[in-house]
Protein backbone atom coordinates (compact mmCIF):
# COMPACT_ATOMS: atom_id res chain seq x y z
CA MET A 1 89.13 187.82 111.35
CA TYR A 2 87.54 184.45 110.88
CA GLY A 3 84.75 183.49 113.28
CA GLY A 4 83.64 186.94 114.37
CA SER A 5 80.37 185.51 115.68
CA THR A 6 82.04 183.15 118.15
CA SER A 7 82.47 184.14 121.78
CA VAL A 8 86.19 184.73 121.16
CA GLY A 9 85.32 186.61 117.97
CA PHE A 10 82.99 189.02 119.79
CA TYR A 11 85.78 189.78 122.25
CA ALA A 12 88.37 190.13 119.46
CA ILE A 13 86.18 192.51 117.45
CA GLN A 14 85.73 194.81 120.43
CA LEU A 15 89.41 194.70 121.35
CA ALA A 16 90.50 195.38 117.76
CA LYS A 17 88.13 198.36 117.53
CA LEU A 18 89.43 199.76 120.83
CA LEU A 19 92.95 199.50 119.42
CA GLY A 20 91.93 201.40 116.28
CA TYR A 21 91.73 198.61 113.70
CA LYS A 22 89.24 198.34 110.86
CA VAL A 23 87.58 194.96 111.44
CA VAL A 24 86.52 192.62 108.66
CA THR A 25 85.17 189.19 109.57
CA ALA A 26 83.97 185.95 108.02
CA CYS A 27 80.90 184.35 109.56
CA SER A 28 77.42 183.08 108.71
CA PRO A 29 75.14 185.65 107.02
CA ARG A 30 72.63 185.23 109.85
CA ASN A 31 75.26 186.77 112.15
CA PHE A 32 76.20 189.78 110.00
CA ASP A 33 74.06 192.19 112.01
CA ILE A 34 75.34 191.06 115.40
CA VAL A 35 79.04 191.19 114.47
CA LYS A 36 78.47 194.70 113.13
CA LYS A 37 76.72 195.59 116.40
CA TYR A 38 79.88 194.47 118.22
CA GLY A 39 81.97 196.69 115.93
CA ALA A 40 82.83 194.82 112.73
CA ASP A 41 83.06 197.15 109.75
CA ALA A 42 82.22 194.40 107.25
CA ALA A 43 81.19 190.75 107.35
CA PHE A 44 81.31 188.11 104.62
CA ASP A 45 79.94 184.58 104.21
CA TYR A 46 82.60 181.97 104.94
CA ARG A 47 80.87 179.23 102.95
CA ASN A 48 82.26 180.30 99.55
CA VAL A 49 86.00 180.45 100.20
CA ASP A 50 87.03 182.23 96.98
CA GLU A 51 84.28 184.84 97.18
CA CYS A 52 84.90 185.45 100.88
CA VAL A 53 88.64 185.99 100.32
CA LYS A 54 87.95 188.28 97.35
CA ASN A 55 85.47 190.37 99.37
CA ILE A 56 87.85 190.68 102.33
CA ARG A 57 90.74 191.70 100.08
CA ASP A 58 88.52 194.20 98.23
CA VAL A 59 87.08 195.90 101.31
CA SER A 60 90.49 196.07 102.99
CA GLY A 61 92.21 197.66 100.00
CA GLY A 62 94.18 194.65 98.80
CA GLY A 63 94.28 192.46 101.88
CA VAL A 64 94.57 192.65 105.64
CA ASP A 65 97.66 193.39 107.72
CA ALA A 66 96.66 191.34 110.79
CA ALA A 67 94.39 188.33 111.25
CA ILE A 68 93.03 185.98 113.86
CA ASP A 69 91.18 182.76 113.24
CA CYS A 70 88.73 182.20 116.10
CA VAL A 71 87.66 178.78 114.79
CA SER A 72 90.82 177.12 113.39
CA GLU A 73 88.96 174.24 111.71
CA GLY A 74 87.68 173.41 108.25
CA THR A 75 88.52 176.14 105.72
CA SER A 76 88.99 178.85 108.33
CA GLN A 77 92.79 179.01 108.09
CA THR A 78 92.60 178.89 104.29
CA ILE A 79 90.35 181.95 104.22
CA ALA A 80 92.37 183.80 106.84
CA ILE A 81 95.79 183.17 105.28
CA GLN A 82 94.62 184.11 101.78
CA SER A 83 93.12 187.36 103.08
CA PHE A 84 96.51 188.93 103.83
CA ASN A 85 97.88 191.60 101.55
CA ASP A 86 100.99 190.85 99.48
CA LYS A 87 103.45 192.39 101.94
CA GLN A 88 105.84 190.10 103.79
CA GLY A 89 106.10 189.43 107.52
CA HIS A 90 102.49 188.60 108.39
CA GLN A 91 101.35 186.44 111.27
CA LEU A 92 98.07 184.54 111.50
CA ASN A 93 97.03 183.94 115.07
CA ILE A 94 94.91 180.85 115.65
CA LEU A 95 93.29 179.13 118.61
CA LEU A 96 93.94 175.51 117.68
CA PHE A 97 96.57 173.78 115.54
CA PRO A 98 98.14 175.04 112.29
CA ASP A 99 96.80 173.56 109.06
CA ALA A 100 99.69 172.38 106.85
CA GLU A 101 97.61 172.78 103.67
CA ALA A 102 96.72 176.38 104.51
CA GLN A 103 100.37 177.10 105.29
CA LYS A 104 101.37 175.92 101.81
CA LEU A 105 99.18 178.66 100.32
CA ARG A 106 101.28 181.38 101.96
CA PRO A 107 104.58 179.98 103.29
CA ASP A 108 105.64 183.55 104.12
CA VAL A 109 102.86 183.91 106.73
CA LYS A 110 103.73 182.67 110.20
CA ILE A 111 100.88 180.71 111.81
CA VAL A 112 100.94 180.66 115.62
CA GLY A 113 98.64 179.74 118.45
CA THR A 114 98.09 182.64 120.79
CA LEU A 115 96.17 184.06 123.69
CA LEU A 116 93.68 186.64 122.46
CA TYR A 117 94.78 189.54 124.63
CA THR A 118 98.26 189.48 123.08
CA VAL A 119 97.16 189.03 119.45
CA TRP A 120 97.99 192.57 118.25
CA GLY A 121 101.19 192.92 120.22
CA LYS A 122 99.97 195.54 122.63
CA VAL A 123 97.69 195.68 125.58
CA SER A 124 96.30 198.91 126.94
CA ASN A 125 96.20 199.29 130.70
CA ARG A 126 92.85 201.04 130.23
CA ILE A 127 91.42 197.98 128.49
CA CYS A 128 92.84 195.49 131.01
CA ARG A 129 91.57 197.41 134.02
CA GLY A 130 88.04 197.53 132.64
């Protein structure tokens, strides 16, 4: 997940944890503690793209299976799309518009705008009812 320290990111971390996912996020180092408090298993500095991608791929055992970009600007889509594992059929969910340059890095990854509560393809009635 990119942007775990945003308001959408805090919500996404909690939802992902409730659904049983291991959560890895990219954010500013000053926010590492708070994203972990919300449930992130690991957090990495987004400012060095190559190092951030390497760290995410390392801690996730070769890359992630699912990703959401809660910022969708600057290098966020580049980091998110390069963080996927080498399997086919991935989808990067974003909040704004797809970045054509990021898409070129992994043409096999589908980039789509989405509403957060549908990002992982399932919604628990328990979660929605509060």
